[in-house]
Amino acid sequence: MPGHEFAGEVVGVGTQVTELAVGDRVAVDPSLYCHECRYCRTGHNNLCERWAAIGVTTAGGAAQFAVAPVANCVRLPEHVRTQDAALVEPLSCAVRGYDVLRSRLGAHVLIYGSGTMGLMMLELAKRTGAASVDMVDVNPTRLETARKLGVSASAANPDELDRPQGWDLVIDATGNAAAIQDGLDRVAKAGTFLQFGVADYATRVTIDPYRIYNQEITITGSMAVLHSFERAAELFATGVLDPDVFISDRLPLDRYPQALDQFAAGVGRKIVVVP
């Protein structure tokens, strides 16, 4: 069953579990690692050779019950609504993205895509000392949400933005080949391009090796969650995200097919399915 972004109530615990009790509300890190392969042993668990995930390879949030290791569960404070805490998992991916970036204070940031993940990167950029955060999207409704959250400038085309020298950090949150190709060309000297959006396996773009060498440009990626879930839960509890802005729809379980269709059509932002 799908559903890797979820939170819920504990209805049963193993005989050795002392950290949680029945009735506790938790957000769940879906990541399942082998802890034995080379990547797990060198601290790159998100690249585990036997990588699995709750809601991907085993029953997740769309099932009546899901089983999770106690280490994957983070207890929610009283003021956090359970259904809102489904945002913790995608936020933990964004936190991992910023771990990879190791961004410096005063950076000028350009984000492609103002869907849920792009907006989360916007919120983190604002809180990590960015001098400016600009956003590009062809969807005017989503750009309007970015403006509500305080983006520095927004446009359907980066040519409309006033930064001819480029941006220190360029983040693709679309996975779209055209956006990625354009973004690679917008990185300033000594800047960094982060591939954060999930592209199709067949997606291909062209790089300019001489420019990468001559201008010391870094191209990197960020894969899911790594030592970032607990920090994301803590940030979420402090109000780093406004759930009522990020969640555009809350649909009952019997409208799950509609939620999938709406997501595929790119309508709205985060869609939460409530059992």
C-alpha atoms as a PDB file:
ATOM      1  CA  MET A   1       0.000   0.000   0.000  1.00  0.00           C
ATOM      2  CA  PRO A   2       1.322   3.504  -0.821  1.00  0.00           C
ATOM      3  CA  GLY A   3       1.689   6.392   1.590  1.00  0.00           C
ATOM      4  CA  HIS A   4       5.250   7.220   2.591  1.00  0.00           C
ATOM      5  CA  GLU A   5       4.336  10.683   3.931  1.00  0.00           C
ATOM      6  CA  PHE A   6       2.222   9.987   6.960  1.00  0.00           C
ATOM      7  CA  ALA A   7       1.609  10.344  10.664  1.00  0.00           C
ATOM      8  CA  GLY A   8      -0.701   8.449  12.954  1.00  0.00           C
ATOM      9  CA  GLU A   9      -1.551   7.058  16.360  1.00  0.00           C
ATOM     10  CA  VAL A  10       0.314   4.150  17.935  1.00  0.00           C
ATOM     11  CA  VAL A  11      -2.067   1.219  18.429  1.00  0.00           C
ATOM     12  CA  GLY A  12       0.469  -1.416  19.401  1.00  0.00           C
ATOM     13  CA  VAL A  13       4.133  -1.741  20.394  1.00  0.00           C
ATOM     14  CA  GLY A  14       6.676  -4.537  20.527  1.00  0.00           C
ATOM     15  CA  THR A  15       7.623  -6.159  23.824  1.00  0.00           C
ATOM     16  CA  GLN A  16      11.011  -4.376  23.860  1.00  0.00           C
ATOM     17  CA  VAL A  17       9.687  -0.904  23.022  1.00  0.00           C
ATOM     18  CA  THR A  18       9.949   1.597  25.878  1.00  0.00           C
ATOM     19  CA  GLU A  19      10.213   4.887  23.950  1.00  0.00           C
ATOM     20  CA  LEU A  20       6.561   4.965  22.829  1.00  0.00           C
ATOM     21  CA  ALA A  21       3.221   3.852  24.185  1.00  0.00           C
ATOM     22  CA  VAL A  22      -0.192   3.072  22.760  1.00  0.00           C
ATOM     23  CA  GLY A  23      -2.011   6.336  22.133  1.00  0.00           C
ATOM     24  CA  ASP A  24       1.075   8.377  21.261  1.00  0.00           C
ATOM     25  CA  ARG A  25       0.865  10.334  18.024  1.00  0.00           C
ATOM     26  CA  VAL A  26       3.900  10.085  15.764  1.00  0.00           C
ATOM     27  CA  ALA A  27       5.318  11.199  12.447  1.00  0.00           C
ATOM     28  CA  VAL A  28       7.054   8.344  10.660  1.00  0.00           C
ATOM     29  CA  ASP A  29      10.341   8.365   8.775  1.00  0.00           C
ATOM     30  CA  PRO A  30       9.615   5.814   6.013  1.00  0.00           C
ATOM     31  CA  SER A  31      13.289   4.998   5.344  1.00  0.00           C
ATOM     32  CA  LEU A  32      14.362   1.381   5.840  1.00  0.00           C
ATOM     33  CA  TYR A  33      18.081   0.617   5.608  1.00  0.00           C
ATOM     34  CA  CYS A  34      20.070  -2.604   5.808  1.00  0.00           C
ATOM     35  CA  HIS A  35      22.854  -1.039   7.949  1.00  0.00           C
ATOM     36  CA  GLU A  36      25.239  -3.597   6.422  1.00  0.00           C
ATOM     37  CA  CYS A  37      26.169  -2.419   2.927  1.00  0.00           C
ATOM     38  CA  ARG A  38      29.113  -0.163   2.125  1.00  0.00           C
ATOM     39  CA  TYR A  39      26.946   2.954   1.934  1.00  0.00           C
ATOM     40  CA  CYS A  40      25.217   2.341   5.256  1.00  0.00           C
ATOM     41  CA  ARG A  41      28.566   1.671   6.918  1.00  0.00           C
ATOM     42  CA  THR A  42      29.999   4.939   5.588  1.00  0.00           C
ATOM     43  CA  GLY A  43      27.042   7.067   6.719  1.00  0.00           C
ATOM     44  CA  HIS A  44      25.235   7.275   3.370  1.00  0.00           C
ATOM     45  CA  ASN A  45      22.206   5.244   4.442  1.00  0.00           C
ATOM     46  CA  ASN A  46      19.953   7.000   1.939  1.00  0.00           C
ATOM     47  CA  LEU A  47      22.020   5.323  -0.788  1.00  0.00           C
ATOM     48  CA  CYS A  48      21.625   1.885   0.799  1.00  0.00           C
ATOM     49  CA  GLU A  49      22.072  -0.972  -1.668  1.00  0.00           C
ATOM     50  CA  ARG A  50      18.974  -2.645  -0.164  1.00  0.00           C
ATOM     51  CA  TRP A  51      17.031   0.590   0.241  1.00  0.00           C
ATOM     52  CA  ALA A  52      13.362   0.125   1.131  1.00  0.00           C
ATOM     53  CA  ALA A  53      10.644   2.353   2.555  1.00  0.00           C
ATOM     54  CA  ILE A  54       7.371   2.160   4.409  1.00  0.00           C
ATOM     55  CA  GLY A  55       4.698   3.122   1.900  1.00  0.00           C
ATOM     56  CA  VAL A  56       6.902   2.103  -1.033  1.00  0.00           C
ATOM     57  CA  THR A  57       8.050  -1.488  -0.498  1.00  0.00           C
ATOM     58  CA  THR A  58       5.773  -2.268   2.450  1.00  0.00           C
ATOM     59  CA  ALA A  59       2.388  -1.057   3.725  1.00  0.00           C
ATOM     60  CA  GLY A  60       2.286   2.656   4.473  1.00  0.00           C
ATOM     61  CA  GLY A  61      -0.129   5.436   5.254  1.00  0.00           C
ATOM     62  CA  ALA A  62      -2.806   4.242   2.846  1.00  0.00           C
ATOM     63  CA  ALA A  63      -3.159   0.941   4.713  1.00  0.00           C
ATOM     64  CA  GLN A  64      -5.309   0.497   7.829  1.00  0.00           C
ATOM     65  CA  PHE A  65      -2.183  -0.390   9.806  1.00  0.00           C
ATOM     66  CA  ALA A  66       1.506   0.180   9.150  1.00  0.00           C
ATOM     67  CA  VAL A  67       4.493  -1.243  11.015  1.00  0.00           C
ATOM     68  CA  ALA A  68       7.515   0.975  11.683  1.00  0.00           C
ATOM     69  CA  PRO A  69      10.693   0.576  13.740  1.00  0.00           C
ATOM     70  CA  VAL A  70      10.493   2.655  16.904  1.00  0.00           C
ATOM     71  CA  ALA A  71      13.615   4.528  15.771  1.00  0.00           C
ATOM     72  CA  ASN A  72      11.630   5.796  12.765  1.00  0.00           C
ATOM     73  CA  CYS A  73       8.877   7.341  14.895  1.00  0.00           C
ATOM     74  CA  VAL A  74       8.983  10.867  16.291  1.00  0.00           C
ATOM     75  CA  ARG A  75       6.414  11.741  18.950  1.00  0.00           C
ATOM     76  CA  LEU A  76       4.322  14.796  18.091  1.00  0.00           C
ATOM     77  CA  PRO A  77       3.822  17.623  20.593  1.00  0.00           C
ATOM     78  CA  GLU A  78       0.281  18.433  21.647  1.00  0.00           C
ATOM     79  CA  HIS A  79      -0.054  21.540  19.459  1.00  0.00           C
ATOM     80  CA  VAL A  80       0.740  19.707  16.195  1.00  0.00           C
ATOM     81  CA  ARG A  81      -2.259  18.162  14.443  1.00  0.00           C
ATOM     82  CA  THR A  82      -1.694  14.582  13.325  1.00  0.00           C
ATOM     83  CA  GLN A  83      -2.844  15.148   9.750  1.00  0.00           C
ATOM     84  CA  ASP A  84      -0.596  18.215   9.419  1.00  0.00           C
ATOM     85  CA  ALA A  85       2.420  16.136  10.442  1.00  0.00           C
ATOM     86  CA  ALA A  86       2.309  14.367   7.079  1.00  0.00           C
ATOM     87  CA  LEU A  87       4.365  17.387   5.992  1.00  0.00           C
ATOM     88  CA  VAL A  88       7.311  16.356   8.174  1.00  0.00           C
ATOM     89  CA  GLU A  89       8.574  13.737   5.717  1.00  0.00           C
ATOM     90  CA  PRO A  90       8.814  16.055   2.679  1.00  0.00           C
ATOM     91  CA  LEU A  91      10.277  18.736   4.956  1.00  0.00           C
ATOM     92  CA  SER A  92      12.964  16.257   6.012  1.00  0.00           C
ATOM     93  CA  CYS A  93      13.875  15.831   2.330  1.00  0.00           C
ATOM     94  CA  ALA A  94      14.224  19.617   2.019  1.00  0.00           C
ATOM     95  CA  VAL A  95      16.395  19.718   5.144  1.00  0.00           C
ATOM     96  CA  ARG A  96      18.612  17.067   3.567  1.00  0.00           C
ATOM     97  CA  GLY A  97      18.825  19.245   0.451  1.00  0.00           C
ATOM     98  CA  TYR A  98      20.119  22.136   2.513  1.00  0.00           C
ATOM     99  CA  ASP A  99      22.594  19.837   4.239  1.00  0.00           C
ATOM    100  CA  VAL A 100      24.023  19.057   0.797  1.00  0.00           C
ATOM    101  CA  LEU A 101      24.102  22.722  -0.220  1.00  0.00           C
ATOM    102  CA  ARG A 102      26.005  23.911   2.873  1.00  0.00           C
ATOM    103  CA  SER A 103      24.897  27.360   1.791  1.00  0.00           C
ATOM    104  CA  ARG A 104      26.660  30.453   3.026  1.00  0.00           C
ATOM    105  CA  LEU A 105      25.091  33.603   4.413  1.00  0.00           C
ATOM    106  CA  GLY A 106      24.053  36.234   1.899  1.00  0.00           C
ATOM    107  CA  ALA A 107      23.545  33.863  -1.029  1.00  0.00           C
ATOM    108  CA  HIS A 108      21.220  34.735  -3.912  1.00  0.00           C
ATOM    109  CA  VAL A 109      18.949  31.756  -4.556  1.00  0.00           C
ATOM    110  CA  LEU A 110      16.843  30.764  -7.567  1.00  0.00           C
ATOM    111  CA  ILE A 111      14.272  27.977  -7.246  1.00  0.00           C
ATOM    112  CA  TYR A 112      12.549  26.329 -10.204  1.00  0.00           C
ATOM    113  CA  GLY A 113       9.089  25.086  -9.272  1.00  0.00           C
ATOM    114  CA  SER A 114       6.724  26.450  -6.625  1.00  0.00           C
ATOM    115  CA  GLY A 115       5.017  23.196  -5.744  1.00  0.00           C
ATOM    116  CA  THR A 116       5.227  21.809  -2.222  1.00  0.00           C
ATOM    117  CA  MET A 117       8.937  20.991  -2.364  1.00  0.00           C
ATOM    118  CA  GLY A 118       9.943  24.252  -4.011  1.00  0.00           C
ATOM    119  CA  LEU A 119       7.992  26.195  -1.395  1.00  0.00           C
ATOM    120  CA  MET A 120       9.675  24.241   1.391  1.00  0.00           C
ATOM    121  CA  MET A 121      13.071  25.094  -0.076  1.00  0.00           C
ATOM    122  CA  LEU A 122      11.927  28.725  -0.140  1.00  0.00           C
ATOM    123  CA  GLU A 123      11.081  28.639   3.562  1.00  0.00           C
ATOM    124  CA  LEU A 124      14.431  27.056   4.431  1.00  0.00           C
ATOM    125  CA  ALA A 125      16.333  29.514   2.233  1.00  0.00           C
ATOM    126  CA  LYS A 126      14.710  32.413   4.068  1.00  0.00           C
ATOM    127  CA  ARG A 127      15.868  30.922   7.363  1.00  0.00           C
ATOM    128  CA  THR A 128      19.435  30.132   6.316  1.00  0.00           C
ATOM    129  CA  GLY A 129      20.477  33.694   5.634  1.00  0.00           C
ATOM    130  CA  ALA A 130      19.755  34.052   1.916  1.00  0.00           C
ATOM    131  CA  ALA A 131      20.099  37.609   0.608  1.00  0.00           C
ATOM    132  CA  SER A 132      17.319  36.935  -1.889  1.00  0.00           C
ATOM    133  CA  VAL A 133      15.158  34.011  -2.985  1.00  0.00           C
ATOM    134  CA  ASP A 134      13.634  34.141  -6.475  1.00  0.00           C
ATOM    135  CA  MET A 135      11.245  31.594  -7.908  1.00  0.00           C
ATOM    136  CA  VAL A 136      10.261  30.483 -11.412  1.00  0.00           C
ATOM    137  CA  ASP A 137       7.107  28.580 -12.347  1.00  0.00           C
ATOM    138  CA  VAL A 138       4.741  28.487 -15.304  1.00  0.00           C
ATOM    139  CA  ASN A 139       1.798  27.932 -12.939  1.00  0.00           C
ATOM    140  CA  PRO A 140       0.538  31.389 -11.842  1.00  0.00           C
ATOM    141  CA  THR A 141      -1.546  29.980  -8.987  1.00  0.00           C
ATOM    142  CA  ARG A 142       1.476  28.337  -7.404  1.00  0.00           C
ATOM    143  CA  LEU A 143       3.560  31.471  -7.903  1.00  0.00           C
ATOM    144  CA  GLU A 144       0.917  33.399  -6.011  1.00  0.00           C
ATOM    145  CA  THR A 145       1.498  31.111  -3.025  1.00  0.00           C
ATOM    146  CA  ALA A 146       5.231  31.800  -3.282  1.00  0.00           C
ATOM    147  CA  ARG A 147       4.504  35.524  -3.152  1.00  0.00           C
ATOM    148  CA  LYS A 148       2.330  34.987  -0.080  1.00  0.00           C
ATOM    149  CA  LEU A 149       5.274  33.262   1.603  1.00  0.00           C
ATOM    150  CA  GLY A 150       7.594  36.176   0.877  1.00  0.00           C
ATOM    151  CA  VAL A 151       9.600  35.252  -2.193  1.00  0.00           C
ATOM    152  CA  SER A 152      11.891  38.108  -3.278  1.00  0.00           C
ATOM    153  CA  ALA A 153      10.797  37.970  -6.931  1.00  0.00           C
ATOM    154  CA  SER A 154       8.873  35.552  -9.116  1.00  0.00           C
ATOM    155  CA  ALA A 155       8.304  35.033 -12.816  1.00  0.00           C
ATOM    156  CA  ALA A 156       7.330  32.516 -15.453  1.00  0.00           C
ATOM    157  CA  ASN A 157      10.725  33.057 -17.119  1.00  0.00           C
ATOM    158  CA  PRO A 158      14.049  33.845 -15.382  1.00  0.00           C
ATOM    159  CA  ASP A 159      14.762  36.440 -18.062  1.00  0.00           C
ATOM    160  CA  GLU A 160      12.159  38.583 -16.290  1.00  0.00           C
ATOM    161  CA  LEU A 161      14.284  38.588 -13.132  1.00  0.00           C
ATOM    162  CA  ASP A 162      17.031  41.139 -12.648  1.00  0.00           C
ATOM    163  CA  ARG A 163      20.172  39.098 -12.034  1.00  0.00           C
ATOM    164  CA  PRO A 164      22.224  38.930 -15.241  1.00  0.00           C
ATOM    165  CA  GLN A 165      25.289  37.663 -13.367  1.00  0.00           C
ATOM    166  CA  GLY A 166      23.351  34.566 -12.197  1.00  0.00           C
ATOM    167  CA  TRP A 167      22.515  33.097  -8.811  1.00  0.00           C
ATOM    168  CA  ASP A 168      24.812  31.615  -6.178  1.00  0.00           C
ATOM    169  CA  LEU A 169      22.438  28.708  -5.584  1.00  0.00           C
ATOM    170  CA  VAL A 170      20.098  27.325  -8.225  1.00  0.00           C
ATOM    171  CA  ILE A 171      17.678  24.625  -7.090  1.00  0.00           C
ATOM    172  CA  ASP A 172      15.557  22.549  -9.439  1.00  0.00           C
ATOM    173  CA  ALA A 173      12.400  21.330  -7.695  1.00  0.00           C
ATOM    174  CA  THR A 174      10.621  20.268 -10.892  1.00  0.00           C
ATOM    175  CA  GLY A 175      12.468  17.322 -12.435  1.00  0.00           C
ATOM    176  CA  ASN A 176      11.599  18.904 -15.788  1.00  0.00           C
ATOM    177  CA  ALA A 177      14.348  18.702 -18.429  1.00  0.00           C
ATOM    178  CA  ALA A 178      13.760  22.219 -19.785  1.00  0.00           C
ATOM    179  CA  ALA A 179      13.850  23.746 -16.302  1.00  0.00           C
ATOM    180  CA  ILE A 180      16.994  21.831 -15.386  1.00  0.00           C
ATOM    181  CA  GLN A 181      18.744  22.852 -18.596  1.00  0.00           C
ATOM    182  CA  ASP A 182      17.832  26.479 -18.075  1.00  0.00           C
ATOM    183  CA  GLY A 183      18.862  26.379 -14.431  1.00  0.00           C
ATOM    184  CA  LEU A 184      22.319  25.036 -15.212  1.00  0.00           C
ATOM    185  CA  ASP A 185      22.915  28.106 -17.334  1.00  0.00           C
ATOM    186  CA  ARG A 186      21.828  30.483 -14.533  1.00  0.00           C
ATOM    187  CA  VAL A 187      24.442  29.491 -11.955  1.00  0.00           C
ATOM    188  CA  ALA A 188      26.855  32.315 -11.098  1.00  0.00           C
ATOM    189  CA  LYS A 189      30.607  31.822 -10.955  1.00  0.00           C
ATOM    190  CA  ALA A 190      31.590  29.663  -7.970  1.00  0.00           C
ATOM    191  CA  GLY A 191      27.898  28.823  -7.578  1.00  0.00           C
ATOM    192  CA  THR A 192      26.057  25.555  -6.987  1.00  0.00           C
ATOM    193  CA  PHE A 193      23.262  23.767  -8.837  1.00  0.00           C
ATOM    194  CA  LEU A 194      21.180  21.337  -6.769  1.00  0.00           C
ATOM    195  CA  GLN A 195      19.121  18.666  -8.505  1.00  0.00           C
ATOM    196  CA  PHE A 196      16.354  18.317  -5.926  1.00  0.00           C
ATOM    197  CA  GLY A 197      13.336  17.527  -8.117  1.00  0.00           C
ATOM    198  CA  VAL A 198      12.784  13.906  -9.146  1.00  0.00           C
ATOM    199  CA  ALA A 199      13.342  13.551 -12.887  1.00  0.00           C
ATOM    200  CA  ASP A 200      12.282  10.659 -15.079  1.00  0.00           C
ATOM    201  CA  TYR A 201      14.981   8.026 -15.617  1.00  0.00           C
ATOM    202  CA  ALA A 202      15.159   8.971 -19.297  1.00  0.00           C
ATOM    203  CA  THR A 203      15.637  12.726 -18.692  1.00  0.00           C
ATOM    204  CA  ARG A 204      18.842  14.085 -20.228  1.00  0.00           C
ATOM    205  CA  VAL A 205      20.418  17.555 -20.217  1.00  0.00           C
ATOM    206  CA  THR A 206      23.663  18.984 -21.585  1.00  0.00           C
ATOM    207  CA  ILE A 207      26.451  20.414 -19.454  1.00  0.00           C
ATOM    208  CA  ASP A 208      29.321  22.682 -20.453  1.00  0.00           C
ATOM    209  CA  PRO A 209      32.445  21.047 -18.963  1.00  0.00           C
ATOM    210  CA  TYR A 210      34.723  24.015 -19.720  1.00  0.00           C
ATOM    211  CA  ARG A 211      32.374  26.431 -17.927  1.00  0.00           C
ATOM    212  CA  ILE A 212      32.105  24.098 -14.938  1.00  0.00           C
ATOM    213  CA  TYR A 213      35.906  23.976 -14.751  1.00  0.00           C
ATOM    214  CA  ASN A 214      36.593  27.619 -15.553  1.00  0.00           C
ATOM    215  CA  GLN A 215      33.928  29.071 -13.263  1.00  0.00           C
ATOM    216  CA  GLU A 216      34.240  26.480 -10.497  1.00  0.00           C
ATOM    217  CA  ILE A 217      30.578  25.500 -10.640  1.00  0.00           C
ATOM    218  CA  THR A 218      29.324  22.668  -8.440  1.00  0.00           C
ATOM    219  CA  ILE A 219      26.556  20.330  -9.605  1.00  0.00           C
ATOM    220  CA  THR A 220      25.129  18.080  -6.916  1.00  0.00           C
ATOM    221  CA  GLY A 221      22.053  16.112  -5.924  1.00  0.00           C
ATOM    222  CA  SER A 222      20.006  15.310  -2.849  1.00  0.00           C
ATOM    223  CA  MET A 223      18.362  11.927  -2.312  1.00  0.00           C
ATOM    224  CA  ALA A 224      15.452  11.696   0.121  1.00  0.00           C
ATOM    225  CA  VAL A 225      16.113  11.655   3.876  1.00  0.00           C
ATOM    226  CA  LEU A 226      19.417  11.334   5.734  1.00  0.00           C
ATOM    227  CA  HIS A 227      19.726  12.180   9.441  1.00  0.00           C
ATOM    228  CA  SER A 228      17.187  14.942   8.827  1.00  0.00           C
ATOM    229  CA  PHE A 229      13.802  13.603   9.953  1.00  0.00           C
ATOM    230  CA  GLU A 230      14.092  14.503  13.637  1.00  0.00           C
ATOM    231  CA  ARG A 231      15.347  17.991  12.781  1.00  0.00           C
ATOM    232  CA  ALA A 232      12.471  18.454  10.346  1.00  0.00           C
ATOM    233  CA  ALA A 233       9.989  17.403  13.036  1.00  0.00           C
ATOM    234  CA  GLU A 234      11.492  19.937  15.441  1.00  0.00           C
ATOM    235  CA  LEU A 235      11.404  22.695  12.817  1.00  0.00           C
ATOM    236  CA  PHE A 236       7.812  21.822  11.992  1.00  0.00           C
ATOM    237  CA  ALA A 237       6.849  22.026  15.662  1.00  0.00           C
ATOM    238  CA  THR A 238       8.332  25.551  15.831  1.00  0.00           C
ATOM    239  CA  GLY A 239       6.130  26.685  12.939  1.00  0.00           C
ATOM    240  CA  VAL A 240       8.666  26.804  10.099  1.00  0.00           C
ATOM    241  CA  LEU A 241       5.766  25.891   7.785  1.00  0.00           C
ATOM    242  CA  ASP A 242       2.144  27.005   7.903  1.00  0.00           C
ATOM    243  CA  PRO A 243       0.153  23.797   7.264  1.00  0.00           C
ATOM    244  CA  ASP A 244      -2.886  25.762   6.129  1.00  0.00           C
ATOM    245  CA  VAL A 245      -0.803  27.309   3.339  1.00  0.00           C
ATOM    246  CA  PHE A 246       1.027  24.156   2.317  1.00  0.00           C
ATOM    247  CA  ILE A 247      -1.981  21.839   2.445  1.00  0.00           C
ATOM    248  CA  SER A 248      -4.433  22.910  -0.244  1.00  0.00           C
ATOM    249  CA  ASP A 249      -6.844  19.980   0.112  1.00  0.00           C
ATOM    250  CA  ARG A 250      -7.882  17.589   2.868  1.00  0.00           C
ATOM    251  CA  LEU A 251      -9.834  14.708   1.353  1.00  0.00           C
ATOM    252  CA  PRO A 252     -11.486  11.714   3.027  1.00  0.00           C
ATOM    253  CA  LEU A 253     -10.131   8.237   2.324  1.00  0.00           C
ATOM    254  CA  ASP A 254     -12.992   7.337  -0.027  1.00  0.00           C
ATOM    255  CA  ARG A 255     -11.809  10.144  -2.347  1.00  0.00           C
ATOM    256  CA  TYR A 256      -8.298   8.764  -2.588  1.00  0.00           C
ATOM    257  CA  PRO A 257      -8.559   8.232  -6.382  1.00  0.00           C
ATOM    258  CA  GLN A 258      -9.549  11.901  -6.769  1.00  0.00           C
ATOM    259  CA  ALA A 259      -6.508  12.909  -4.750  1.00  0.00           C
ATOM    260  CA  LEU A 260      -4.252  10.938  -7.105  1.00  0.00           C
ATOM    261  CA  ASP A 261      -5.882  12.462 -10.183  1.00  0.00           C
ATOM    262  CA  GLN A 262      -5.597  15.969  -8.749  1.00  0.00           C
ATOM    263  CA  PHE A 263      -1.932  15.444  -7.925  1.00  0.00           C
ATOM    264  CA  ALA A 264      -1.217  14.116 -11.420  1.00  0.00           C
ATOM    265  CA  ALA A 265      -2.910  17.186 -12.910  1.00  0.00           C
ATOM    266  CA  GLY A 266      -0.743  19.527 -10.831  1.00  0.00           C
ATOM    267  CA  VAL A 267      -3.756  21.148  -9.173  1.00  0.00           C
ATOM    268  CA  GLY A 268      -3.257  22.522  -5.681  1.00  0.00           C
ATOM    269  CA  ARG A 269      -0.305  21.954  -3.388  1.00  0.00           C
ATOM    270  CA  LYS A 270      -0.078  19.179  -0.810  1.00  0.00           C
ATOM    271  CA  ILE A 271      -3.152  16.975  -0.729  1.00  0.00           C
ATOM    272  CA  VAL A 272      -3.723  15.204   2.593  1.00  0.00           C
ATOM    273  CA  VAL A 273      -5.910  12.102   2.698  1.00  0.00           C
ATOM    274  CA  VAL A 274      -7.663  11.811   6.071  1.00  0.00           C
ATOM    275  CA  PRO A 275      -8.866   8.383   7.248  1.00  0.00           C
END
